[in-house]
C-alpha cells in the first residue's frame, strides 16, 4: 500500500484545492507527502511550543487525534492499513488565530482526493 501511495503522490498535487468554498485560500498550495513521522494523541494541539517539542523529540511533521486509534484497531485485528491525513491548521504555528474551522472542509476534500487517487492506483 505504501508503494502505491508513493506512485500516486505526484499525480495528486495538481488535484488539491487551495481555496475553501467561501474563497478563503491557503498561503501556499497544498502538497501530498508520503511517509515521514507523525504523532497522534487524545488532545487537539494549538500550541506552537508543543508542536516544536514533538518535532524536536519525535521528528513529528504531523500531529493528529485520530490516526493512533485506526492503527490500534487495525493492528490488533491483523489488518494492514494506511492513513491519509490532511492538515487543517498549523498547531499554533500560524501567524494569527487557528485556521481549523476555515480549512476543515478543504482538508477533508483534499484527503478524499488523495484517497481516490490511491484507490484507483491499487492493482486489481
PDB file of N, CA and C in Angstrom:
ATOM      1  N   UNK A   1       0.826  -1.199   0.000  1.00  0.00           N
ATOM      2  CA  UNK A   1       0.000   0.000   0.000  1.00  0.00           C
ATOM      3  C   UNK A   1       0.867   1.258   0.000  1.00  0.00           C
ATOM      4  N   UNK A   2       1.950   1.220   0.753  1.00  0.00           N
ATOM      5  CA  UNK A   2       2.822   2.385   0.810  1.00  0.00           C
ATOM      6  C   UNK A   2       3.469   2.656  -0.548  1.00  0.00           C
ATOM      7  N   UNK A   3       3.850   1.607  -1.252  1.00  0.00           N
ATOM      8  CA  UNK A   3       4.442   1.780  -2.584  1.00  0.00           C
ATOM      9  C   UNK A   3       3.422   2.378  -3.556  1.00  0.00           C
ATOM     10  N   UNK A   4       2.180   1.936  -3.492  1.00  0.00           N
ATOM     11  CA  UNK A   4       1.121   2.506  -4.340  1.00  0.00           C
ATOM     12  C   UNK A   4       0.934   3.984  -3.991  1.00  0.00           C
ATOM     13  N   UNK A   5       0.946   4.306  -2.721  1.00  0.00           N
ATOM     14  CA  UNK A   5       0.805   5.701  -2.299  1.00  0.00           C
ATOM     15  C   UNK A   5       1.948   6.545  -2.844  1.00  0.00           C
ATOM     16  N   UNK A   6       3.158   6.021  -2.817  1.00  0.00           N
ATOM     17  CA  UNK A   6       4.306   6.772  -3.346  1.00  0.00           C
ATOM     18  C   UNK A   6       4.153   7.038  -4.839  1.00  0.00           C
ATOM     19  N   UNK A   7       3.628   6.070  -5.565  1.00  0.00           N
ATOM     20  CA  UNK A   7       3.453   6.234  -7.018  1.00  0.00           C
ATOM     21  C   UNK A   7       2.383   7.269  -7.346  1.00  0.00           C
ATOM     22  N   UNK A   8       1.402   7.423  -6.493  1.00  0.00           N
ATOM     23  CA  UNK A   8       0.316   8.361  -6.777  1.00  0.00           C
ATOM     24  C   UNK A   8       0.561   9.747  -6.183  1.00  0.00           C
ATOM     25  N   UNK A   9       1.682   9.941  -5.504  1.00  0.00           N
ATOM     26  CA  UNK A   9       1.978  11.218  -4.836  1.00  0.00           C
ATOM     27  C   UNK A   9       2.014  12.397  -5.808  1.00  0.00           C
ATOM     28  N   UNK A  10       2.760  12.296  -6.888  1.00  0.00           N
ATOM     29  CA  UNK A  10       2.915  13.419  -7.805  1.00  0.00           C
ATOM     30  C   UNK A  10       1.629  13.737  -8.560  1.00  0.00           C
ATOM     31  N   UNK A  11       0.860  12.730  -8.878  1.00  0.00           N
ATOM     32  CA  UNK A  11      -0.376  12.925  -9.630  1.00  0.00           C
ATOM     33  C   UNK A  11      -1.357  13.774  -8.833  1.00  0.00           C
ATOM     34  N   UNK A  12      -1.410  13.586  -7.554  1.00  0.00           N
ATOM     35  CA  UNK A  12      -2.447  14.195  -6.735  1.00  0.00           C
ATOM     36  C   UNK A  12      -2.193  15.674  -6.441  1.00  0.00           C
ATOM     37  N   UNK A  13      -0.938  16.129  -6.410  1.00  0.00           N
ATOM     38  CA  UNK A  13      -0.661  17.526  -6.081  1.00  0.00           C
ATOM     39  C   UNK A  13      -1.500  18.498  -6.918  1.00  0.00           C
ATOM     40  N   UNK A  14      -1.672  18.215  -8.191  1.00  0.00           N
ATOM     41  CA  UNK A  14      -2.409  19.126  -9.065  1.00  0.00           C
ATOM     42  C   UNK A  14      -3.915  19.085  -8.828  1.00  0.00           C
ATOM     43  N   UNK A  15      -4.410  18.062  -8.152  1.00  0.00           N
ATOM     44  CA  UNK A  15      -5.843  17.908  -7.921  1.00  0.00           C
ATOM     45  C   UNK A  15      -6.303  18.532  -6.606  1.00  0.00           C
ATOM     46  N   UNK A  16      -5.394  19.001  -5.788  1.00  0.00           N
ATOM     47  CA  UNK A  16      -5.755  19.511  -4.473  1.00  0.00           C
ATOM     48  C   UNK A  16      -6.308  20.923  -4.557  1.00  0.00           C
ATOM     49  N   UNK A  17      -7.310  21.184  -3.737  1.00  0.00           N
ATOM     50  CA  UNK A  17      -7.929  22.508  -3.681  1.00  0.00           C
ATOM     51  C   UNK A  17      -7.109  23.428  -2.792  1.00  0.00           C
ATOM     52  N   UNK A  18      -6.968  24.675  -3.207  1.00  0.00           N
ATOM     53  CA  UNK A  18      -6.232  25.659  -2.430  1.00  0.00           C
ATOM     54  C   UNK A  18      -7.157  26.610  -1.684  1.00  0.00           C
ATOM     55  N   UNK A  19      -8.406  26.731  -2.168  1.00  0.00           N
ATOM     56  CA  UNK A  19      -9.350  27.681  -1.576  1.00  0.00           C
ATOM     57  C   UNK A  19     -10.598  26.969  -1.077  1.00  0.00           C
ATOM     58  N   UNK A  20     -11.132  27.452   0.028  1.00  0.00           N
ATOM     59  CA  UNK A  20     -12.365  26.889   0.592  1.00  0.00           C
ATOM     60  C   UNK A  20     -13.562  27.381  -0.211  1.00  0.00           C
ATOM     61  N   UNK A  21     -14.733  26.830   0.086  1.00  0.00           N
ATOM     62  CA  UNK A  21     -15.959  27.202  -0.626  1.00  0.00           C
ATOM     63  C   UNK A  21     -16.265  28.696  -0.489  1.00  0.00           C
ATOM     64  N   UNK A  22     -15.893  29.291   0.649  1.00  0.00           N
ATOM     65  CA  UNK A  22     -16.142  30.728   0.821  1.00  0.00           C
ATOM     66  C   UNK A  22     -14.957  31.583   0.379  1.00  0.00           C
ATOM     67  N   UNK A  23     -14.095  31.011  -0.481  1.00  0.00           N
ATOM     68  CA  UNK A  23     -12.994  31.716  -1.149  1.00  0.00           C
ATOM     69  C   UNK A  23     -11.883  32.198  -0.221  1.00  0.00           C
ATOM     70  N   UNK A  24     -11.711  31.530   0.903  1.00  0.00           N
ATOM     71  CA  UNK A  24     -10.554  31.782   1.753  1.00  0.00           C
ATOM     72  C   UNK A  24      -9.488  30.800   1.290  1.00  0.00           C
ATOM     73  N   UNK A  25      -8.303  31.318   0.972  1.00  0.00           N
ATOM     74  CA  UNK A  25      -7.286  30.473   0.352  1.00  0.00           C
ATOM     75  C   UNK A  25      -6.063  30.292   1.247  1.00  0.00           C
ATOM     76  N   UNK A  26      -5.419  29.147   1.072  1.00  0.00           N
ATOM     77  CA  UNK A  26      -4.155  28.869   1.748  1.00  0.00           C
ATOM     78  C   UNK A  26      -3.077  29.781   1.184  1.00  0.00           C
ATOM     79  N   UNK A  27      -2.109  30.145   2.016  1.00  0.00           N
ATOM     80  CA  UNK A  27      -0.999  30.971   1.536  1.00  0.00           C
ATOM     81  C   UNK A  27      -0.143  30.200   0.544  1.00  0.00           C
ATOM     82  N   UNK A  28       0.023  28.893   0.778  1.00  0.00           N
ATOM     83  CA  UNK A  28       0.819  28.035  -0.106  1.00  0.00           C
ATOM     84  C   UNK A  28      -0.076  26.941  -0.665  1.00  0.00           C
ATOM     85  N   UNK A  29       0.248  26.483  -1.857  1.00  0.00           N
ATOM     86  CA  UNK A  29      -0.512  25.383  -2.463  1.00  0.00           C
ATOM     87  C   UNK A  29      -0.322  24.124  -1.624  1.00  0.00           C
ATOM     88  N   UNK A  30      -1.407  23.350  -1.423  1.00  0.00           N
ATOM     89  CA  UNK A  30      -1.270  22.099  -0.664  1.00  0.00           C
ATOM     90  C   UNK A  30      -0.407  21.099  -1.433  1.00  0.00           C
ATOM     91  N   UNK A  31       0.268  20.229  -0.682  1.00  0.00           N
ATOM     92  CA  UNK A  31       1.147  19.227  -1.278  1.00  0.00           C
ATOM     93  C   UNK A  31       0.846  17.874  -0.670  1.00  0.00           C
ATOM     94  N   UNK A  32       1.101  16.850  -1.438  1.00  0.00           N
ATOM     95  CA  UNK A  32       0.978  15.478  -0.946  1.00  0.00           C
ATOM     96  C   UNK A  32       2.361  15.007  -0.540  1.00  0.00           C
ATOM     97  N   UNK A  33       2.458  14.440   0.638  1.00  0.00           N
ATOM     98  CA  UNK A  33       3.708  13.863   1.124  1.00  0.00           C
ATOM     99  C   UNK A  33       3.422  12.461   1.621  1.00  0.00           C
ATOM    100  N   UNK A  34       4.231  11.525   1.203  1.00  0.00           N
ATOM    101  CA  UNK A  34       4.082  10.135   1.633  1.00  0.00           C
ATOM    102  C   UNK A  34       5.225   9.812   2.572  1.00  0.00           C
ATOM    103  N   UNK A  35       4.891   9.242   3.713  1.00  0.00           N
ATOM    104  CA  UNK A  35       5.917   8.887   4.695  1.00  0.00           C
ATOM    105  C   UNK A  35       6.176  10.022   5.659  1.00  0.00           C
ATOM    106  N   UNK A  36       7.220   9.888   6.404  1.00  0.00           N
ATOM    107  CA  UNK A  36       7.544  10.884   7.415  1.00  0.00           C
ATOM    108  C   UNK A  36       7.071  10.419   8.780  1.00  0.00           C
ATOM    109  N   UNK A  37       7.247  11.272   9.747  1.00  0.00           N
ATOM    110  CA  UNK A  37       6.882  10.940  11.119  1.00  0.00           C
ATOM    111  C   UNK A  37       5.669  11.741  11.558  1.00  0.00           C
ATOM    112  N   UNK A  38       4.757  11.060  12.219  1.00  0.00           N
ATOM    113  CA  UNK A  38       3.591  11.724  12.777  1.00  0.00           C
ATOM    114  C   UNK A  38       3.330  11.204  14.170  1.00  0.00           C
ATOM    115  N   UNK A  39       2.666  11.998  14.965  1.00  0.00           N
ATOM    116  CA  UNK A  39       2.251  11.566  16.291  1.00  0.00           C
ATOM    117  C   UNK A  39       0.755  11.784  16.413  1.00  0.00           C
ATOM    118  N   UNK A  40       0.134  10.964  17.218  1.00  0.00           N
ATOM    119  CA  UNK A  40      -1.307  11.001  17.395  1.00  0.00           C
ATOM    120  C   UNK A  40      -1.614  10.901  18.873  1.00  0.00           C
ATOM    121  N   UNK A  41      -2.607  11.631  19.305  1.00  0.00           N
ATOM    122  CA  UNK A  41      -2.931  11.593  20.722  1.00  0.00           C
ATOM    123  C   UNK A  41      -4.350  12.030  20.996  1.00  0.00           C
ATOM    124  N   UNK A  42      -4.695  12.179  22.274  1.00  0.00           N
ATOM    125  CA  UNK A  42      -6.080  12.431  22.664  1.00  0.00           C
ATOM    126  C   UNK A  42      -6.482  13.902  22.735  1.00  0.00           C
ATOM    127  N   UNK A  43      -5.607  14.826  22.330  1.00  0.00           N
ATOM    128  CA  UNK A  43      -5.919  16.240  22.508  1.00  0.00           C
ATOM    129  C   UNK A  43      -5.668  17.034  21.234  1.00  0.00           C
ATOM    130  N   UNK A  44      -6.502  18.041  21.011  1.00  0.00           N
ATOM    131  CA  UNK A  44      -6.295  18.984  19.922  1.00  0.00           C
ATOM    132  C   UNK A  44      -5.117  19.868  20.299  1.00  0.00           C
ATOM    133  N   UNK A  45      -4.188  20.056  19.385  1.00  0.00           N
ATOM    134  CA  UNK A  45      -2.994  20.845  19.684  1.00  0.00           C
ATOM    135  C   UNK A  45      -3.041  22.166  18.928  1.00  0.00           C
ATOM    136  N   UNK A  46      -3.021  23.254  19.684  1.00  0.00           N
ATOM    137  CA  UNK A  46      -2.938  24.594  19.105  1.00  0.00           C
ATOM    138  C   UNK A  46      -1.916  25.373  19.918  1.00  0.00           C
ATOM    139  N   UNK A  47      -0.710  24.842  19.943  1.00  0.00           N
ATOM    140  CA  UNK A  47       0.327  25.388  20.798  1.00  0.00           C
ATOM    141  C   UNK A  47       1.669  25.234  20.088  1.00  0.00           C
ATOM    142  N   UNK A  48       2.253  26.342  19.681  1.00  0.00           N
ATOM    143  CA  UNK A  48       3.498  26.307  18.916  1.00  0.00           C
ATOM    144  C   UNK A  48       4.635  25.649  19.709  1.00  0.00           C
ATOM    145  N   UNK A  49       4.691  25.873  21.020  1.00  0.00           N
ATOM    146  CA  UNK A  49       5.767  25.278  21.829  1.00  0.00           C
ATOM    147  C   UNK A  49       5.639  23.755  21.860  1.00  0.00           C
ATOM    148  N   UNK A  50       4.409  23.245  21.992  1.00  0.00           N
ATOM    149  CA  UNK A  50       4.220  21.790  21.997  1.00  0.00           C
ATOM    150  C   UNK A  50       4.516  21.205  20.621  1.00  0.00           C
ATOM    151  N   UNK A  51       4.118  21.927  19.581  1.00  0.00           N
ATOM    152  CA  UNK A  51       4.427  21.494  18.216  1.00  0.00           C
ATOM    153  C   UNK A  51       5.943  21.392  18.035  1.00  0.00           C
ATOM    154  N   UNK A  52       6.675  22.365  18.506  1.00  0.00           N
ATOM    155  CA  UNK A  52       8.139  22.335  18.422  1.00  0.00           C
ATOM    156  C   UNK A  52       8.710  21.181  19.241  1.00  0.00           C
ATOM    157  N   UNK A  53       8.153  20.943  20.415  1.00  0.00           N
ATOM    158  CA  UNK A  53       8.594  19.836  21.262  1.00  0.00           C
ATOM    159  C   UNK A  53       8.427  18.494  20.547  1.00  0.00           C
ATOM    160  N   UNK A  54       7.266  18.281  19.917  1.00  0.00           N
ATOM    161  CA  UNK A  54       7.049  16.996  19.240  1.00  0.00           C
ATOM    162  C   UNK A  54       7.985  16.823  18.051  1.00  0.00           C
ATOM    163  N   UNK A  55       8.302  17.931  17.376  1.00  0.00           N
ATOM    164  CA  UNK A  55       9.261  17.817  16.283  1.00  0.00           C
ATOM    165  C   UNK A  55      10.653  17.512  16.826  1.00  0.00           C
ATOM    166  N   UNK A  56      11.076  18.258  17.836  1.00  0.00           N
ATOM    167  CA  UNK A  56      12.414  18.049  18.408  1.00  0.00           C
ATOM    168  C   UNK A  56      12.568  16.657  19.015  1.00  0.00           C
ATOM    169  N   UNK A  57      11.518  16.149  19.640  1.00  0.00           N
ATOM    170  CA  UNK A  57      11.574  14.858  20.332  1.00  0.00           C
ATOM    171  C   UNK A  57      11.349  13.677  19.398  1.00  0.00           C
ATOM    172  N   UNK A  58      10.358  13.775  18.524  1.00  0.00           N
ATOM    173  CA  UNK A  58       9.954  12.640  17.681  1.00  0.00           C
ATOM    174  C   UNK A  58      10.164  12.882  16.192  1.00  0.00           C
ATOM    175  N   UNK A  59      10.643  14.065  15.828  1.00  0.00           N
ATOM    176  CA  UNK A  59      10.737  14.478  14.416  1.00  0.00           C
ATOM    177  C   UNK A  59       9.358  14.438  13.759  1.00  0.00           C
ATOM    178  N   UNK A  60       8.322  14.713  14.535  1.00  0.00           N
ATOM    179  CA  UNK A  60       6.940  14.663  14.062  1.00  0.00           C
ATOM    180  C   UNK A  60       6.645  15.841  13.140  1.00  0.00           C
ATOM    181  N   UNK A  61       6.195  15.517  11.944  1.00  0.00           N
ATOM    182  CA  UNK A  61       5.792  16.537  10.989  1.00  0.00           C
ATOM    183  C   UNK A  61       4.283  16.739  11.014  1.00  0.00           C
ATOM    184  N   UNK A  62       3.578  15.833  11.688  1.00  0.00           N
ATOM    185  CA  UNK A  62       2.118  15.870  11.762  1.00  0.00           C
ATOM    186  C   UNK A  62       1.674  15.525  13.184  1.00  0.00           C
ATOM    187  N   UNK A  63       0.675  16.253  13.666  1.00  0.00           N
ATOM    188  CA  UNK A  63       0.020  15.951  14.940  1.00  0.00           C
ATOM    189  C   UNK A  63      -1.455  15.741  14.647  1.00  0.00           C
ATOM    190  N   UNK A  64      -2.029  14.656  15.126  1.00  0.00           N
ATOM    191  CA  UNK A  64      -3.462  14.470  14.918  1.00  0.00           C
ATOM    192  C   UNK A  64      -4.086  13.772  16.112  1.00  0.00           C
ATOM    193  N   UNK A  65      -5.414  13.597  16.040  1.00  0.00           N
ATOM    194  CA  UNK A  65      -6.143  12.974  17.146  1.00  0.00           C
ATOM    195  C   UNK A  65      -6.805  11.659  16.749  1.00  0.00           C
ATOM    196  N   UNK A  66      -6.627  11.182  15.522  1.00  0.00           N
ATOM    197  CA  UNK A  66      -7.376  10.006  15.096  1.00  0.00           C
ATOM    198  C   UNK A  66      -6.531   8.822  14.633  1.00  0.00           C
ATOM    199  N   UNK A  67      -5.389   9.075  14.059  1.00  0.00           N
ATOM    200  CA  UNK A  67      -4.626   8.003  13.403  1.00  0.00           C
ATOM    201  C   UNK A  67      -4.214   6.874  14.343  1.00  0.00           C
ATOM    202  N   UNK A  68      -3.885   7.191  15.576  1.00  0.00           N
ATOM    203  CA  UNK A  68      -3.470   6.139  16.519  1.00  0.00           C
ATOM    204  C   UNK A  68      -4.606   5.163  16.772  1.00  0.00           C
ATOM    205  N   UNK A  69      -5.836   5.655  16.841  1.00  0.00           N
ATOM    206  CA  UNK A  69      -6.982   4.767  17.069  1.00  0.00           C
ATOM    207  C   UNK A  69      -7.153   3.812  15.885  1.00  0.00           C
ATOM    208  N   UNK A  70      -7.028   4.331  14.677  1.00  0.00           N
ATOM    209  CA  UNK A  70      -7.122   3.492  13.477  1.00  0.00           C
ATOM    210  C   UNK A  70      -6.008   2.454  13.477  1.00  0.00           C
ATOM    211  N   UNK A  71      -4.793   2.887  13.761  1.00  0.00           N
ATOM    212  CA  UNK A  71      -3.646   1.973  13.789  1.00  0.00           C
ATOM    213  C   UNK A  71      -3.823   0.892  14.846  1.00  0.00           C
ATOM    214  N   UNK A  72      -4.316   1.267  15.997  1.00  0.00           N
ATOM    215  CA  UNK A  72      -4.508   0.304  17.086  1.00  0.00           C
ATOM    216  C   UNK A  72      -5.516  -0.778  16.710  1.00  0.00           C
ATOM    217  N   UNK A  73      -6.666  -0.363  16.209  1.00  0.00           N
ATOM    218  CA  UNK A  73      -7.714  -1.332  15.846  1.00  0.00           C
ATOM    219  C   UNK A  73      -7.239  -2.230  14.709  1.00  0.00           C
ATOM    220  N   UNK A  74      -6.635  -1.648  13.687  1.00  0.00           N
ATOM    221  CA  UNK A  74      -6.171  -2.450  12.547  1.00  0.00           C
ATOM    222  C   UNK A  74      -5.082  -3.426  12.979  1.00  0.00           C
ATOM    223  N   UNK A  75      -4.108  -2.956  13.725  1.00  0.00           N
ATOM    224  CA  UNK A  75      -3.008  -3.823  14.159  1.00  0.00           C
ATOM    225  C   UNK A  75      -3.514  -4.933  15.075  1.00  0.00           C
ATOM    226  N   UNK A  76      -4.388  -4.593  16.002  1.00  0.00           N
ATOM    227  CA  UNK A  76      -4.948  -5.591  16.913  1.00  0.00           C
ATOM    228  C   UNK A  76      -5.669  -6.702  16.155  1.00  0.00           C
ATOM    229  N   UNK A  77      -6.297  -6.340  15.039  1.00  0.00           N
ATOM    230  CA  UNK A  77      -7.050  -7.308  14.253  1.00  0.00           C
ATOM    231  C   UNK A  77      -6.261  -7.874  13.072  1.00  0.00           C
ATOM    232  N   UNK A  78      -4.970  -7.566  12.996  1.00  0.00           N
ATOM    233  CA  UNK A  78      -4.132  -8.104  11.937  1.00  0.00           C
ATOM    234  C   UNK A  78      -4.507  -7.618  10.544  1.00  0.00           C
ATOM    235  N   UNK A  79      -5.020  -6.397  10.445  1.00  0.00           N
ATOM    236  CA  UNK A  79      -5.458  -5.839   9.164  1.00  0.00           C
ATOM    237  C   UNK A  79      -4.455  -4.774   8.712  1.00  0.00           C
ATOM    238  N   UNK A  80      -3.882  -4.944   7.510  1.00  0.00           N
ATOM    239  CA  UNK A  80      -2.984  -3.895   7.004  1.00  0.00           C
ATOM    240  C   UNK A  80      -3.770  -2.589   6.846  1.00  0.00           C
ATOM    241  N   UNK A  81      -3.125  -1.472   7.046  1.00  0.00           N
ATOM    242  CA  UNK A  81      -3.829  -0.190   6.945  1.00  0.00           C
ATOM    243  C   UNK A  81      -2.890   0.881   6.445  1.00  0.00           C
ATOM    244  N   UNK A  82      -3.486   1.928   5.951  1.00  0.00           N
ATOM    245  CA  UNK A  82      -2.752   3.131   5.583  1.00  0.00           C
ATOM    246  C   UNK A  82      -3.642   4.298   6.000  1.00  0.00           C
ATOM    247  N   UNK A  83      -3.054   5.359   6.489  1.00  0.00           N
ATOM    248  CA  UNK A  83      -3.811   6.515   6.958  1.00  0.00           C
ATOM    249  C   UNK A  83      -3.530   7.696   6.036  1.00  0.00           C
ATOM    250  N   UNK A  84      -4.579   8.365   5.600  1.00  0.00           N
ATOM    251  CA  UNK A  84      -4.462   9.585   4.814  1.00  0.00           C
ATOM    252  C   UNK A  84      -4.823  10.745   5.724  1.00  0.00           C
ATOM    253  N   UNK A  85      -3.934  11.706   5.862  1.00  0.00           N
ATOM    254  CA  UNK A  85      -4.176  12.864   6.722  1.00  0.00           C
ATOM    255  C   UNK A  85      -4.095  14.133   5.890  1.00  0.00           C
ATOM    256  N   UNK A  86      -5.020  15.019   6.094  1.00  0.00           N
ATOM    257  CA  UNK A  86      -4.949  16.355   5.518  1.00  0.00           C
ATOM    258  C   UNK A  86      -4.931  17.319   6.698  1.00  0.00           C
ATOM    259  N   UNK A  87      -3.978  18.186   6.728  1.00  0.00           N
ATOM    260  CA  UNK A  87      -3.844  19.100   7.855  1.00  0.00           C
ATOM    261  C   UNK A  87      -4.752  20.305   7.664  1.00  0.00           C
ATOM    262  N   UNK A  88      -5.485  20.653   8.715  1.00  0.00           N
ATOM    263  CA  UNK A  88      -6.407  21.777   8.627  1.00  0.00           C
ATOM    264  C   UNK A  88      -5.923  22.990   9.411  1.00  0.00           C
ATOM    265  N   UNK A  89      -4.786  22.881  10.050  1.00  0.00           N
ATOM    266  CA  UNK A  89      -4.229  24.023  10.770  1.00  0.00           C
ATOM    267  C   UNK A  89      -2.750  23.756  11.030  1.00  0.00           C
ATOM    268  N   UNK A  90      -2.088  24.713  11.648  1.00  0.00           N
ATOM    269  CA  UNK A  90      -0.636  24.620  11.857  1.00  0.00           C
ATOM    270  C   UNK A  90      -0.247  24.399  13.312  1.00  0.00           C
ATOM    271  N   UNK A  91      -1.160  23.916  14.130  1.00  0.00           N
ATOM    272  CA  UNK A  91      -0.876  23.596  15.532  1.00  0.00           C
ATOM    273  C   UNK A  91      -0.141  24.719  16.250  1.00  0.00           C
ATOM    274  N   UNK A  92      -0.685  25.911  16.141  1.00  0.00           N
ATOM    275  CA  UNK A  92      -0.084  27.058  16.825  1.00  0.00           C
ATOM    276  C   UNK A  92       1.017  27.721  16.028  1.00  0.00           C
ATOM    277  N   UNK A  93       1.279  27.279  14.819  1.00  0.00           N
ATOM    278  CA  UNK A  93       2.382  27.834  14.030  1.00  0.00           C
ATOM    279  C   UNK A  93       1.978  28.904  13.041  1.00  0.00           C
ATOM    280  N   UNK A  94       0.682  29.186  12.942  1.00  0.00           N
ATOM    281  CA  UNK A  94       0.225  30.212  12.006  1.00  0.00           C
ATOM    282  C   UNK A  94       0.397  31.608  12.590  1.00  0.00           C
ATOM    283  N   UNK A  95       0.296  32.629  11.737  1.00  0.00           N
ATOM    284  CA  UNK A  95       0.518  33.994  12.209  1.00  0.00           C
ATOM    285  C   UNK A  95      -0.618  34.560  13.055  1.00  0.00           C
ATOM    286  N   UNK A  96      -1.821  33.990  12.960  1.00  0.00           N
ATOM    287  CA  UNK A  96      -2.956  34.538  13.703  1.00  0.00           C
ATOM    288  C   UNK A  96      -3.703  33.440  14.425  1.00  0.00           C
ATOM    289  N   UNK A  97      -5.035  33.585  14.459  1.00  0.00           N
ATOM    290  CA  UNK A  97      -5.878  32.575  15.093  1.00  0.00           C
ATOM    291  C   UNK A  97      -5.782  31.252  14.359  1.00  0.00           C
ATOM    292  N   UNK A  98      -6.127  30.183  15.071  1.00  0.00           N
ATOM    293  CA  UNK A  98      -6.146  28.864  14.468  1.00  0.00           C
ATOM    294  C   UNK A  98      -7.105  28.856  13.282  1.00  0.00           C
ATOM    295  N   UNK A  99      -6.690  28.229  12.194  1.00  0.00           N
ATOM    296  CA  UNK A  99      -7.478  28.247  10.962  1.00  0.00           C
ATOM    297  C   UNK A  99      -8.285  26.975  10.737  1.00  0.00           C
ATOM    298  N   UNK A 100      -8.397  26.124  11.746  1.00  0.00           N
ATOM    299  CA  UNK A 100      -9.056  24.841  11.568  1.00  0.00           C
ATOM    300  C   UNK A 100     -10.475  24.982  11.021  1.00  0.00           C
ATOM    301  N   UNK A 101     -11.272  25.867  11.572  1.00  0.00           N
ATOM    302  CA  UNK A 101     -12.665  25.987  11.134  1.00  0.00           C
ATOM    303  C   UNK A 101     -12.763  26.459   9.684  1.00  0.00           C
ATOM    304  N   UNK A 102     -11.822  27.290   9.258  1.00  0.00           N
ATOM    305  CA  UNK A 102     -11.823  27.786   7.883  1.00  0.00           C
ATOM    306  C   UNK A 102     -11.460  26.669   6.911  1.00  0.00           C
ATOM    307  N   UNK A 103     -10.469  25.851   7.279  1.00  0.00           N
ATOM    308  CA  UNK A 103      -9.922  24.891   6.328  1.00  0.00           C
ATOM    309  C   UNK A 103     -10.305  23.435   6.577  1.00  0.00           C
ATOM    310  N   UNK A 104     -11.214  23.186   7.520  1.00  0.00           N
ATOM    311  CA  UNK A 104     -11.597  21.805   7.820  1.00  0.00           C
ATOM    312  C   UNK A 104     -12.193  21.109   6.589  1.00  0.00           C
ATOM    313  N   UNK A 105     -13.143  21.747   5.913  1.00  0.00           N
ATOM    314  CA  UNK A 105     -13.742  21.148   4.718  1.00  0.00           C
ATOM    315  C   UNK A 105     -12.716  21.003   3.605  1.00  0.00           C
ATOM    316  N   UNK A 106     -11.873  21.999   3.455  1.00  0.00           N
ATOM    317  CA  UNK A 106     -10.826  21.956   2.436  1.00  0.00           C
ATOM    318  C   UNK A 106      -9.893  20.767   2.689  1.00  0.00           C
ATOM    319  N   UNK A 107      -9.493  20.577   3.933  1.00  0.00           N
ATOM    320  CA  UNK A 107      -8.624  19.450   4.288  1.00  0.00           C
ATOM    321  C   UNK A 107      -9.336  18.124   4.040  1.00  0.00           C
ATOM    322  N   UNK A 108     -10.599  18.040   4.407  1.00  0.00           N
ATOM    323  CA  UNK A 108     -11.357  16.801   4.196  1.00  0.00           C
ATOM    324  C   UNK A 108     -11.486  16.491   2.705  1.00  0.00           C
ATOM    325  N   UNK A 109     -11.811  17.495   1.899  1.00  0.00           N
ATOM    326  CA  UNK A 109     -11.940  17.280   0.457  1.00  0.00           C
ATOM    327  C   UNK A 109     -10.608  16.863  -0.168  1.00  0.00           C
ATOM    328  N   UNK A 110      -9.526  17.480   0.263  1.00  0.00           N
ATOM    329  CA  UNK A 110      -8.214  17.115  -0.272  1.00  0.00           C
ATOM    330  C   UNK A 110      -7.823  15.703   0.146  1.00  0.00           C
ATOM    331  N   UNK A 111      -8.155  15.317   1.360  1.00  0.00           N
ATOM    332  CA  UNK A 111      -7.863  13.958   1.820  1.00  0.00           C
ATOM    333  C   UNK A 111      -8.626  12.935   0.983  1.00  0.00           C
ATOM    334  N   UNK A 112      -9.867  13.232   0.660  1.00  0.00           N
ATOM    335  CA  UNK A 112     -10.665  12.331  -0.187  1.00  0.00           C
ATOM    336  C   UNK A 112     -10.060  12.239  -1.584  1.00  0.00           C
ATOM    337  N   UNK A 113      -9.580  13.352  -2.130  1.00  0.00           N
ATOM    338  CA  UNK A 113      -8.941  13.335  -3.455  1.00  0.00           C
ATOM    339  C   UNK A 113      -7.720  12.423  -3.456  1.00  0.00           C
ATOM    340  N   UNK A 114      -6.923  12.492  -2.401  1.00  0.00           N
ATOM    341  CA  UNK A 114      -5.740  11.630  -2.297  1.00  0.00           C
ATOM    342  C   UNK A 114      -6.160  10.167  -2.179  1.00  0.00           C
ATOM    343  N   UNK A 115      -7.152   9.902  -1.341  1.00  0.00           N
ATOM    344  CA  UNK A 115      -7.616   8.523  -1.163  1.00  0.00           C
ATOM    345  C   UNK A 115      -8.147   7.948  -2.473  1.00  0.00           C
ATOM    346  N   UNK A 116      -8.909   8.725  -3.231  1.00  0.00           N
ATOM    347  CA  UNK A 116      -9.441   8.245  -4.510  1.00  0.00           C
ATOM    348  C   UNK A 116      -8.325   7.934  -5.497  1.00  0.00           C
ATOM    349  N   UNK A 117      -7.317   8.793  -5.548  1.00  0.00           N
ATOM    350  CA  UNK A 117      -6.171   8.536  -6.423  1.00  0.00           C
ATOM    351  C   UNK A 117      -5.475   7.246  -6.015  1.00  0.00           C
ATOM    352  N   UNK A 118      -5.326   7.047  -4.730  1.00  0.00           N
ATOM    353  CA  UNK A 118      -4.706   5.837  -4.203  1.00  0.00           C
ATOM    354  C   UNK A 118      -5.532   4.596  -4.593  1.00  0.00           C
ATOM    355  N   UNK A 119      -6.844   4.663  -4.375  1.00  0.00           N
ATOM    356  CA  UNK A 119      -7.694   3.504  -4.682  1.00  0.00           C
ATOM    357  C   UNK A 119      -7.660   3.145  -6.173  1.00  0.00           C
ATOM    358  N   UNK A 120      -7.630   4.173  -7.032  1.00  0.00           N
ATOM    359  CA  UNK A 120      -7.552   3.917  -8.473  1.00  0.00           C
ATOM    360  C   UNK A 120      -6.223   3.269  -8.853  1.00  0.00           C
ATOM    361  N   UNK A 121      -5.174   3.551  -8.088  1.00  0.00           N
ATOM    362  CA  UNK A 121      -3.840   3.034  -8.404  1.00  0.00           C
ATOM    363  C   UNK A 121      -3.600   1.622  -7.869  1.00  0.00           C
ATOM    364  N   UNK A 122      -4.482   1.136  -6.994  1.00  0.00           N
ATOM    365  CA  UNK A 122      -4.308  -0.214  -6.446  1.00  0.00           C
ATOM    366  C   UNK A 122      -4.430  -1.257  -7.559  1.00  0.00           C
ATOM    367  N   UNK A 123      -3.581  -2.274  -7.527  1.00  0.00           N
ATOM    368  CA  UNK A 123      -3.715  -3.332  -8.531  1.00  0.00           C
ATOM    369  C   UNK A 123      -4.999  -4.125  -8.282  1.00  0.00           C
ATOM    370  N   UNK A 124      -5.546  -4.673  -9.349  1.00  0.00           N
ATOM    371  CA  UNK A 124      -6.795  -5.458  -9.226  1.00  0.00           C
ATOM    372  C   UNK A 124      -6.603  -6.739  -8.466  1.00  0.00           C
TER     373      UNK A 124
END
